[in-house]
Amino acid sequence: MVSKRQRRWRIGSNVVRILTYASLAIGLILPLTANPDLVNYGYPFLVVSGLFFSLDRTFLISQTWVRYIRAEMEIRSLILDFRYSWYEKRCELLAHDEKIFAST
């Protein structure tokens, strides 16, 4: 069961995300219109989109980017562990080959 607090955060997250994408889309489409009166209105929409985006990042309204960063850090950690074990195995094999060549 989802608590009221979680439901509020989810609704807030969706609202901020929708407003961000909507203002970004409007800000990108308005300068492309043939109407010269609407061309200059695209820039404020782009600013509003950036404000919503920074609001989301600053106050952690949407946790999606936090999950993305955590996943990226986990993947990098796994890659480093793999590389370390790979180099360790290579060193063991090289040491073993050197013993074989030294004995012959």
C-alpha atoms as a PDB file:
ATOM      1  CA  MET A   1       0.000   0.000   0.000  1.00  0.00           C
ATOM      2  CA  VAL A   2       1.347   3.379  -0.979  1.00  0.00           C
ATOM      3  CA  SER A   3       1.281   6.007   1.750  1.00  0.00           C
ATOM      4  CA  LYS A   4      -0.163   9.476   1.239  1.00  0.00           C
ATOM      5  CA  ARG A   5       3.310  11.000   1.406  1.00  0.00           C
ATOM      6  CA  GLN A   6       4.638   8.695  -1.314  1.00  0.00           C
ATOM      7  CA  ARG A   7       1.574   9.396  -3.438  1.00  0.00           C
ATOM      8  CA  ARG A   8       2.118  13.157  -3.074  1.00  0.00           C
ATOM      9  CA  TRP A   9       5.784  12.845  -4.045  1.00  0.00           C
ATOM     10  CA  ARG A  10       4.872  10.685  -7.025  1.00  0.00           C
ATOM     11  CA  ILE A  11       2.258  13.196  -8.196  1.00  0.00           C
ATOM     12  CA  GLY A  12       4.690  16.077  -7.647  1.00  0.00           C
ATOM     13  CA  SER A  13       7.383  14.221  -9.542  1.00  0.00           C
ATOM     14  CA  ASN A  14       5.073  13.575 -12.471  1.00  0.00           C
ATOM     15  CA  VAL A  15       3.862  17.186 -12.527  1.00  0.00           C
ATOM     16  CA  VAL A  16       7.405  18.574 -12.520  1.00  0.00           C
ATOM     17  CA  ARG A  17       8.498  16.142 -15.219  1.00  0.00           C
ATOM     18  CA  ILE A  18       5.485  16.909 -17.426  1.00  0.00           C
ATOM     19  CA  LEU A  19       5.936  20.665 -16.995  1.00  0.00           C
ATOM     20  CA  THR A  20       9.631  20.337 -17.809  1.00  0.00           C
ATOM     21  CA  TYR A  21       9.051  18.401 -21.019  1.00  0.00           C
ATOM     22  CA  ALA A  22       6.037  20.478 -22.057  1.00  0.00           C
ATOM     23  CA  SER A  23       7.841  23.788 -21.617  1.00  0.00           C
ATOM     24  CA  LEU A  24      10.887  22.382 -23.406  1.00  0.00           C
ATOM     25  CA  ALA A  25       8.754  21.242 -26.338  1.00  0.00           C
ATOM     26  CA  ILE A  26       6.920  24.561 -26.542  1.00  0.00           C
ATOM     27  CA  GLY A  27      10.205  26.449 -26.277  1.00  0.00           C
ATOM     28  CA  LEU A  28      11.665  24.456 -29.146  1.00  0.00           C
ATOM     29  CA  ILE A  29       8.584  24.595 -31.391  1.00  0.00           C
ATOM     30  CA  LEU A  30       7.684  28.276 -31.056  1.00  0.00           C
ATOM     31  CA  PRO A  31      10.859  29.629 -32.736  1.00  0.00           C
ATOM     32  CA  LEU A  32      10.190  27.313 -35.675  1.00  0.00           C
ATOM     33  CA  THR A  33       6.772  28.801 -36.389  1.00  0.00           C
ATOM     34  CA  ALA A  34       6.319  31.227 -39.248  1.00  0.00           C
ATOM     35  CA  ASN A  35       4.549  33.748 -37.019  1.00  0.00           C
ATOM     36  CA  PRO A  36       7.129  36.409 -36.038  1.00  0.00           C
ATOM     37  CA  ASP A  37       5.104  37.387 -32.969  1.00  0.00           C
ATOM     38  CA  LEU A  38       5.535  33.930 -31.425  1.00  0.00           C
ATOM     39  CA  VAL A  39       9.241  33.525 -32.119  1.00  0.00           C
ATOM     40  CA  ASN A  40      10.442  35.409 -29.047  1.00  0.00           C
ATOM     41  CA  TYR A  41       8.111  33.545 -26.694  1.00  0.00           C
ATOM     42  CA  GLY A  42      10.087  30.335 -27.088  1.00  0.00           C
ATOM     43  CA  TYR A  43      13.021  31.518 -25.005  1.00  0.00           C
ATOM     44  CA  PRO A  44      11.065  32.090 -21.776  1.00  0.00           C
ATOM     45  CA  PHE A  45       9.652  28.581 -22.126  1.00  0.00           C
ATOM     46  CA  LEU A  46      13.191  27.222 -22.413  1.00  0.00           C
ATOM     47  CA  VAL A  47      14.161  29.143 -19.269  1.00  0.00           C
ATOM     48  CA  VAL A  48      11.135  27.764 -17.424  1.00  0.00           C
ATOM     49  CA  SER A  49      12.071  24.274 -18.567  1.00  0.00           C
ATOM     50  CA  GLY A  50      15.582  24.749 -17.195  1.00  0.00           C
ATOM     51  CA  LEU A  51      14.159  26.048 -13.918  1.00  0.00           C
ATOM     52  CA  PHE A  52      11.912  23.007 -13.547  1.00  0.00           C
ATOM     53  CA  PHE A  53      14.844  20.742 -14.355  1.00  0.00           C
ATOM     54  CA  SER A  54      17.088  22.401 -11.763  1.00  0.00           C
ATOM     55  CA  LEU A  55      14.224  22.375  -9.236  1.00  0.00           C
ATOM     56  CA  ASP A  56      13.923  18.642  -9.769  1.00  0.00           C
ATOM     57  CA  ARG A  57      17.648  18.088  -9.333  1.00  0.00           C
ATOM     58  CA  THR A  58      18.012  20.378  -6.323  1.00  0.00           C
ATOM     59  CA  PHE A  59      15.083  19.177  -4.240  1.00  0.00           C
ATOM     60  CA  LEU A  60      15.128  15.527  -5.383  1.00  0.00           C
ATOM     61  CA  ILE A  61      11.505  15.645  -6.457  1.00  0.00           C
ATOM     62  CA  SER A  62      12.039  12.989  -9.081  1.00  0.00           C
ATOM     63  CA  GLN A  63      14.266  10.179  -7.912  1.00  0.00           C
ATOM     64  CA  THR A  64      14.847   8.809 -11.417  1.00  0.00           C
ATOM     65  CA  TRP A  65      18.176  10.545 -11.922  1.00  0.00           C
ATOM     66  CA  VAL A  66      19.340   9.358  -8.491  1.00  0.00           C
ATOM     67  CA  ARG A  67      18.637   5.772  -9.545  1.00  0.00           C
ATOM     68  CA  TYR A  68      20.462   6.430 -12.822  1.00  0.00           C
ATOM     69  CA  ILE A  69      23.560   7.728 -11.005  1.00  0.00           C
ATOM     70  CA  ARG A  70      23.495   4.797  -8.568  1.00  0.00           C
ATOM     71  CA  ALA A  71      23.243   2.322 -11.434  1.00  0.00           C
ATOM     72  CA  GLU A  72      26.111   4.035 -13.242  1.00  0.00           C
ATOM     73  CA  MET A  73      28.287   3.896 -10.122  1.00  0.00           C
ATOM     74  CA  GLU A  74      27.445   0.217  -9.613  1.00  0.00           C
ATOM     75  CA  ILE A  75      28.348  -0.598 -13.219  1.00  0.00           C
ATOM     76  CA  ARG A  76      31.654   1.265 -12.919  1.00  0.00           C
ATOM     77  CA  SER A  77      32.412  -0.607  -9.706  1.00  0.00           C
ATOM     78  CA  LEU A  78      31.687  -3.948 -11.366  1.00  0.00           C
ATOM     79  CA  ILE A  79      33.892  -3.038 -14.331  1.00  0.00           C
ATOM     80  CA  LEU A  80      36.763  -2.083 -12.009  1.00  0.00           C
ATOM     81  CA  ASP A  81      36.389  -5.350 -10.083  1.00  0.00           C
ATOM     82  CA  PHE A  82      36.439  -7.286 -13.341  1.00  0.00           C
ATOM     83  CA  ARG A  83      39.535  -5.465 -14.584  1.00  0.00           C
ATOM     84  CA  TYR A  84      41.323  -6.037 -11.300  1.00  0.00           C
ATOM     85  CA  SER A  85      40.574  -9.764 -11.334  1.00  0.00           C
ATOM     86  CA  TRP A  86      41.530  -9.930 -15.035  1.00  0.00           C
ATOM     87  CA  TYR A  87      44.924  -8.322 -14.400  1.00  0.00           C
ATOM     88  CA  GLU A  88      45.432 -10.570 -11.390  1.00  0.00           C
ATOM     89  CA  LYS A  89      44.815 -13.678 -13.516  1.00  0.00           C
ATOM     90  CA  ARG A  90      47.135 -12.354 -16.232  1.00  0.00           C
ATOM     91  CA  CYS A  91      49.888 -11.830 -13.680  1.00  0.00           C
ATOM     92  CA  GLU A  92      49.406 -15.355 -12.348  1.00  0.00           C
ATOM     93  CA  LEU A  93      49.627 -16.782 -15.872  1.00  0.00           C
ATOM     94  CA  LEU A  94      52.712 -14.735 -16.700  1.00  0.00           C
ATOM     95  CA  ALA A  95      54.400 -15.830 -13.494  1.00  0.00           C
ATOM     96  CA  HIS A  96      53.515 -19.443 -14.264  1.00  0.00           C
ATOM     97  CA  ASP A  97      54.879 -19.126 -17.841  1.00  0.00           C
ATOM     98  CA  GLU A  98      58.105 -17.577 -16.544  1.00  0.00           C
ATOM     99  CA  LYS A  99      58.607 -20.553 -14.216  1.00  0.00           C
ATOM    100  CA  ILE A 100      58.079 -22.972 -17.096  1.00  0.00           C
ATOM    101  CA  PHE A 101      60.523 -21.133 -19.373  1.00  0.00           C
ATOM    102  CA  ALA A 102      63.089 -20.779 -16.574  1.00  0.00           C
ATOM    103  CA  SER A 103      63.049 -24.500 -15.883  1.00  0.00           C
ATOM    104  CA  THR A 104      63.737 -25.476 -19.500  1.00  0.00           C
END
